[in-house]
Protein backbone atom coordinates (compact mmCIF):
# COMPACT_ATOMS: atom_id res chain seq x y z
CA MET A 1 -53.91 -3.40 -25.85
CA GLU A 2 -51.83 -0.83 -23.53
CA TRP A 3 -48.54 -2.21 -23.57
CA LEU A 4 -48.89 -2.56 -27.36
CA ASN A 5 -49.32 1.11 -27.11
CA ARG A 6 -46.87 1.94 -25.15
CA MET A 7 -44.36 0.24 -26.78
CA ASN A 8 -45.64 1.23 -29.90
CA GLU A 9 -45.12 4.71 -28.23
CA ALA A 10 -41.78 3.78 -27.29
CA LEU A 11 -41.06 3.23 -31.33
CA ASP A 12 -42.26 6.33 -32.29
CA TYR A 13 -40.26 8.91 -30.06
CA ILE A 14 -37.31 6.84 -31.86
CA GLU A 15 -38.69 7.80 -35.24
CA ASP A 16 -39.08 10.96 -34.84
CA ASN A 17 -35.79 12.20 -32.92
CA ILE A 18 -33.51 9.84 -35.61
CA GLU A 19 -31.97 12.86 -36.04
CA ASN A 20 -30.73 14.26 -32.82
CA ASN A 21 -29.30 12.25 -29.82
CA ILE A 22 -31.97 9.88 -28.87
CA ASP A 23 -32.38 9.40 -24.91
CA TYR A 24 -32.84 5.27 -23.87
CA GLU A 25 -34.06 6.66 -20.53
CA GLU A 26 -37.08 8.07 -22.23
CA ILE A 27 -38.01 5.79 -24.48
CA ALA A 28 -38.00 3.50 -21.61
CA LYS A 29 -40.26 6.35 -20.00
CA ARG A 30 -42.58 5.78 -23.57
CA ALA A 31 -42.71 1.91 -22.37
CA TYR A 32 -43.35 2.65 -18.70
CA CYS A 33 -40.60 0.41 -17.69
CA SER A 34 -36.75 1.12 -16.92
CA THR A 35 -34.11 1.87 -19.64
CA TYR A 36 -32.19 -1.77 -18.18
CA HIS A 37 -35.69 -3.79 -19.06
CA PHE A 38 -36.54 -2.60 -21.84
CA GLN A 39 -33.03 -3.34 -23.84
CA ARG A 40 -33.36 -6.86 -22.49
CA MET A 41 -36.81 -7.68 -23.22
CA PHE A 42 -36.69 -5.66 -27.00
CA SER A 43 -32.95 -7.95 -27.49
CA PHE A 44 -34.85 -10.73 -26.98
CA ILE A 45 -38.67 -9.93 -29.04
CA ILE A 46 -36.64 -8.56 -32.07
CA GLY A 47 -33.64 -10.64 -31.63
CA THR A 48 -31.48 -6.96 -32.74
CA PRO A 49 -29.95 -4.90 -30.45
CA LEU A 50 -31.93 -1.96 -29.30
CA SER A 51 -28.51 0.24 -30.23
CA GLU A 52 -28.42 -1.51 -33.65
CA TYR A 53 -31.58 -1.33 -34.50
CA ILE A 54 -31.39 2.41 -34.44
CA ARG A 55 -28.14 2.17 -36.66
CA ARG A 56 -29.97 0.08 -39.68
CA ARG A 57 -32.90 2.73 -39.41
CA LYS A 58 -30.81 5.70 -39.00
CA LEU A 59 -28.26 5.03 -42.17
CA THR A 60 -31.32 3.48 -44.31
CA LEU A 61 -32.96 6.62 -44.46
CA ALA A 62 -29.03 8.05 -45.01
CA ALA A 63 -29.35 6.30 -47.72
CA PHE A 64 -32.31 7.56 -48.91
CA GLU A 65 -31.30 11.61 -48.60
CA LEU A 66 -27.94 9.84 -50.59
CA GLN A 67 -30.11 9.24 -53.38
CA ASN A 68 -33.18 11.56 -53.02
CA SER A 69 -30.63 15.26 -52.46
CA ASP A 70 -27.72 17.13 -53.06
CA LEU A 71 -26.89 17.58 -49.19
CA LYS A 72 -22.88 16.78 -48.51
CA ILE A 73 -21.64 13.28 -47.93
CA ILE A 74 -20.12 15.51 -44.50
CA ASP A 75 -22.95 16.60 -43.34
CA LEU A 76 -25.28 13.59 -43.87
CA GLY A 77 -23.00 12.39 -41.51
CA MET A 78 -23.61 14.87 -39.45
CA LYS A 79 -27.30 15.17 -39.76
CA TYR A 80 -27.72 11.80 -38.43
CA GLY A 81 -24.26 11.56 -35.67
CA TYR A 82 -21.48 10.29 -36.69
CA GLU A 83 -18.56 12.97 -35.62
CA SER A 84 -16.51 12.60 -38.86
CA PRO A 85 -16.90 11.61 -42.28
CA ASP A 86 -14.80 8.72 -41.73
CA ALA A 87 -16.83 6.84 -38.74
CA PHE A 88 -20.14 7.54 -41.30
CA THR A 89 -18.16 6.12 -44.28
CA ARG A 90 -16.82 2.93 -42.17
CA ALA A 91 -20.89 2.46 -41.19
CA PHE A 92 -22.52 2.93 -44.24
CA GLN A 93 -20.54 0.52 -45.92
CA ARG A 94 -20.43 -1.86 -43.31
CA GLN A 95 -24.14 -1.91 -43.37
CA HIS A 96 -24.89 -1.44 -47.77
CA GLY A 97 -22.21 -2.27 -48.93
CA VAL A 98 -20.88 -0.15 -50.65
CA THR A 99 -19.83 4.39 -49.47
CA PRO A 100 -21.88 6.89 -49.60
CA THR A 101 -20.35 8.45 -52.62
CA GLU A 102 -21.09 4.85 -54.29
CA ALA A 103 -24.65 5.01 -53.02
CA ARG A 104 -25.40 7.33 -55.18
CA LYS A 105 -25.31 6.47 -58.45
CA MET A 106 -28.50 4.57 -60.01
CA GLY A 107 -28.99 1.12 -59.94
CA VAL A 108 -26.57 0.85 -57.09
CA HIS A 109 -27.92 -2.54 -55.19
CA LEU A 110 -28.93 -0.71 -50.88
CA LYS A 111 -30.54 -2.53 -47.14
CA SER A 112 -33.41 -1.27 -46.23
CA TYR A 113 -34.66 -1.97 -43.19
CA SER A 114 -38.01 -0.48 -42.49
CA ARG A 115 -39.40 0.90 -38.93
CA ILE A 116 -41.18 -1.95 -36.54
CA SER A 117 -43.97 -2.20 -35.11
CA PHE A 118 -45.67 -3.66 -32.63
CA HIS A 119 -49.28 -5.71 -33.42
CA ILE A 120 -51.24 -8.07 -31.75
CA SER A 121 -50.86 -11.57 -31.98
CA ILE A 122 -52.64 -14.49 -31.59
CA ARG A 123 -50.30 -16.21 -28.95
CA GLY A 124 -50.73 -17.22 -25.33
CA ASP A 125 -52.38 -20.47 -25.68
CA GLU A 126 -50.76 -22.90 -23.80
CA CYS A 127 -50.21 -21.83 -20.55
CA MET A 128 -46.98 -20.72 -18.33
CA ASN A 129 -46.66 -22.03 -15.35
CA PHE A 130 -44.56 -20.02 -12.84
CA LYS A 131 -43.84 -19.05 -9.58
CA ILE A 132 -42.59 -15.49 -7.86
CA GLU A 133 -39.76 -16.69 -4.96
CA LYS A 134 -37.66 -14.34 -2.84
CA LYS A 135 -33.99 -16.40 -2.68
CA LYS A 136 -31.16 -14.98 -0.33
CA ALA A 137 -27.47 -14.75 -1.58
CA PHE A 138 -25.72 -17.40 -3.28
CA SER A 139 -22.51 -17.08 -5.34
CA VAL A 140 -21.22 -19.17 -8.58
CA PHE A 141 -18.32 -20.14 -9.98
CA GLY A 142 -17.71 -21.34 -13.50
CA LEU A 143 -16.06 -21.22 -17.12
CA GLU A 144 -17.94 -18.55 -19.18
CA LYS A 145 -18.31 -17.28 -22.44
CA THR A 146 -19.39 -14.04 -24.97
CA VAL A 147 -22.37 -14.57 -26.60
CA SER A 148 -24.93 -12.91 -28.07
CA LEU A 149 -28.71 -12.15 -28.73
CA THR A 150 -28.51 -10.57 -32.56
CA GLY A 151 -30.72 -12.72 -35.01
CA GLY A 152 -30.59 -15.48 -32.49
CA GLU A 153 -27.21 -16.75 -32.69
CA CYS A 154 -26.76 -17.49 -28.79
CA TYR A 155 -28.78 -20.86 -29.86
CA LYS A 156 -26.09 -22.09 -31.61
CA LYS A 157 -23.55 -20.75 -29.62
CA ILE A 158 -24.87 -21.53 -26.09
CA PRO A 159 -24.95 -25.52 -27.16
CA GLU A 160 -21.52 -25.74 -28.29
CA PHE A 161 -19.95 -24.22 -25.49
CA TRP A 162 -21.21 -27.32 -23.36
CA MET A 163 -19.71 -29.12 -26.01
CA GLU A 164 -16.64 -27.30 -26.54
CA LEU A 165 -16.70 -28.03 -22.39
CA GLU A 166 -16.99 -31.17 -22.33
CA LYS A 167 -14.13 -32.05 -24.86
CA ASN A 168 -11.92 -30.15 -23.36
CA GLY A 169 -12.75 -30.81 -19.56
CA GLY A 170 -13.94 -27.85 -18.65
CA LEU A 171 -17.20 -29.10 -16.92
CA GLU A 172 -15.20 -32.28 -14.87
CA ARG A 173 -12.80 -29.52 -13.87
CA ILE A 174 -16.11 -27.04 -12.33
CA SER A 175 -18.01 -30.63 -10.60
CA ASN A 176 -14.77 -31.29 -9.15
CA ALA A 177 -13.83 -27.82 -7.75
CA ALA A 178 -17.67 -27.15 -6.71
CA LYS A 179 -16.62 -30.53 -4.15
CA ASP A 180 -19.03 -31.01 -1.06
CA GLU A 181 -21.80 -29.11 -2.29
CA GLU A 182 -24.50 -30.93 -4.20
CA GLY A 183 -26.79 -30.30 -8.04
CA LEU A 184 -25.96 -30.18 -11.21
CA LEU A 185 -23.98 -27.69 -13.72
CA ASN A 186 -26.31 -25.25 -13.58
CA ALA A 187 -25.65 -21.78 -16.47
CA ALA A 188 -26.07 -18.10 -15.56
CA ASN A 189 -26.35 -15.06 -17.41
CA TYR A 190 -25.16 -12.07 -17.31
CA ALA A 191 -23.36 -8.80 -18.15
CA TYR A 192 -25.69 -8.25 -20.87
CA GLU A 193 -24.05 -4.53 -22.99
CA LYS A 194 -26.05 -2.19 -24.86
CA ASP A 195 -24.66 -4.52 -28.36
CA GLY A 196 -26.48 -7.04 -27.45
CA THR A 197 -23.98 -10.06 -26.34
CA PHE A 198 -24.06 -11.18 -23.07
CA LYS A 199 -21.52 -14.03 -20.40
CA TYR A 200 -23.26 -17.47 -20.88
CA MET A 201 -21.58 -18.78 -18.07
CA VAL A 202 -21.50 -22.56 -16.73
CA CYS A 203 -21.78 -22.22 -13.31
CA GLN A 204 -21.58 -24.42 -10.08
CA TYR A 205 -22.75 -23.02 -6.23
CA THR A 206 -19.04 -22.17 -4.75
CA PRO A 207 -17.51 -24.37 -1.95
CA LYS A 208 -16.54 -22.36 1.46
CA CYS A 209 -13.24 -23.24 0.79
CA GLY A 210 -13.06 -21.29 -2.35
CA VAL A 211 -11.94 -21.92 -5.80
CA ASP A 212 -8.95 -21.52 -8.73
CA LYS A 213 -8.56 -18.09 -10.41
CA GLU A 214 -8.87 -20.29 -13.73
CA PHE A 215 -12.78 -19.54 -13.09
CA VAL A 216 -14.90 -17.10 -12.91
CA LYS A 217 -17.09 -15.86 -9.91
CA ILE A 218 -20.13 -14.42 -8.90
CA GLU A 219 -21.70 -12.61 -6.17
CA VAL A 220 -26.33 -13.07 -6.51
CA PRO A 221 -27.02 -10.58 -3.80
CA GLU A 222 -30.77 -11.63 -2.36
CA LEU A 223 -33.54 -11.24 -5.24
CA THR A 224 -36.94 -12.00 -5.98
CA TRP A 225 -37.32 -14.76 -8.50
CA ALA A 226 -39.89 -15.99 -11.51
CA ILE A 227 -39.07 -19.00 -11.38
CA PHE A 228 -40.27 -21.75 -14.98
CA PRO A 229 -39.85 -25.17 -14.61
CA ILE A 230 -38.94 -27.68 -17.50
CA GLU A 231 -40.77 -30.60 -18.00
CA PRO A 232 -38.56 -33.66 -17.75
CA HIS A 233 -36.61 -34.58 -20.58
CA THR A 234 -33.39 -35.98 -21.43
CA PRO A 235 -30.29 -34.63 -22.00
CA GLU A 236 -31.06 -35.13 -25.90
CA ASP A 237 -33.79 -33.08 -26.34
CA GLY A 238 -33.43 -31.14 -22.85
CA THR A 239 -32.36 -27.89 -24.96
CA GLU A 240 -34.71 -27.78 -27.14
CA LYS A 241 -37.56 -27.44 -24.43
CA ILE A 242 -35.53 -24.90 -22.59
CA GLN A 243 -35.10 -23.15 -25.57
CA ALA A 244 -38.24 -22.81 -25.91
CA ILE A 245 -39.51 -21.59 -22.90
CA TRP A 246 -36.56 -18.51 -23.03
CA LYS A 247 -38.36 -17.12 -26.37
CA ARG A 248 -42.07 -17.35 -24.61
CA ILE A 249 -40.58 -15.47 -21.31
CA TYR A 250 -40.25 -12.27 -22.94
CA PRO A 251 -43.02 -11.36 -25.28
CA GLU A 252 -45.51 -13.62 -23.56
CA TRP A 253 -45.50 -13.53 -19.83
CA PHE A 254 -43.30 -10.07 -18.57
CA PRO A 255 -45.98 -8.73 -21.07
CA THR A 256 -48.96 -8.48 -18.71
CA SER A 257 -47.05 -10.10 -15.44
CA GLY A 258 -46.54 -6.87 -13.62
CA TYR A 259 -42.88 -7.20 -13.49
CA GLU A 260 -39.59 -6.36 -14.87
CA CYS A 261 -36.19 -7.50 -15.31
CA ALA A 262 -33.99 -6.54 -12.28
CA ASP A 263 -30.73 -5.82 -12.35
CA GLY A 264 -28.38 -9.65 -12.04
CA PRO A 265 -28.29 -12.97 -13.58
CA GLU A 266 -30.29 -15.33 -14.54
CA PHE A 267 -29.90 -18.83 -14.48
CA GLU A 268 -31.03 -22.17 -15.56
CA MET A 269 -30.87 -24.89 -12.76
CA TYR A 270 -30.73 -28.36 -13.84
CA TYR A 271 -31.33 -31.54 -11.18
CA LYS A 272 -31.51 -35.04 -11.98
CA ILE A 273 -34.53 -36.68 -11.56
CA GLY A 274 -34.08 -40.52 -13.01
CA GLU A 275 -31.64 -42.93 -14.79
CA ASN A 276 -31.44 -40.03 -18.19
CA LYS A 277 -34.70 -38.06 -16.88
CA PHE A 278 -33.38 -34.09 -16.23
CA THR A 279 -35.98 -31.42 -15.00
CA ALA A 280 -34.79 -27.84 -14.83
CA GLU A 281 -35.51 -24.45 -14.40
CA ILE A 282 -35.80 -21.39 -15.72
CA TRP A 283 -34.33 -18.06 -12.66
CA ILE A 284 -34.99 -13.83 -14.22
CA PRO A 285 -34.90 -11.82 -10.96
CA VAL A 286 -37.70 -9.95 -11.29
CA LYS A 287 -39.15 -6.37 -9.83
CA ARG A 288 -42.50 -4.62 -9.35
CA ASN A 289 -43.39 -2.50 -12.52
CA GLU A 290 -43.34 1.26 -11.44
């Protein structure tokens, strides 16, 4: 209940200040967590970046005012934070499909995004195995793609990226470049942006001799990790099992864990345990709630 109240207080702050400059740090403060963690958690749970949710709410309220007031369009745009009429018109048309001038006509179809709220849901009857473990610094390299959390796009684009790398020889090039390093190809999520996009990298541990400039390399500092094991699977059903755990971590585990995200990449670590049989772990860097 306490977590629900905090999240709803954060949403109340957004609604109370929808016509002003909304302070992301203040939003997170209402939820008793860091700005970084709140934005990540919001995007995973809602499927929409926080910035996009705020934009949709502003343009929804602007549409109501267009049809129910005589306020000038230029003043309405300024009211909701747009610095010029052109910027307001572009944003409005992108959401509603019509210009602000056209929106004033009777019978025009507009899009309304309601204020979200968090409620109790009967979940958590299925256990989630995890462990908290500190790991020394390490380095990974690989090939990356930018994907988005919006609308769950990443759950479609990431498997497509693996297929693309298999066809163009990318997976083989990563494996060959790893040289004496043991282990299967892994995956990393990092460089999260406010718009809900992030970098997804198919990677391997960096060998001592280094790698070619073709590859992206990231240095991972010593961190504390929440590690979630994935039950044994075949390559065919592995994606479904891994995605199922990802979809539960933020709405089910984080709210009551006493931890929040720390700044750092997330990993899917893969291990072979038999002929055509694998297991995996999801690693998320964490820190104690302040």
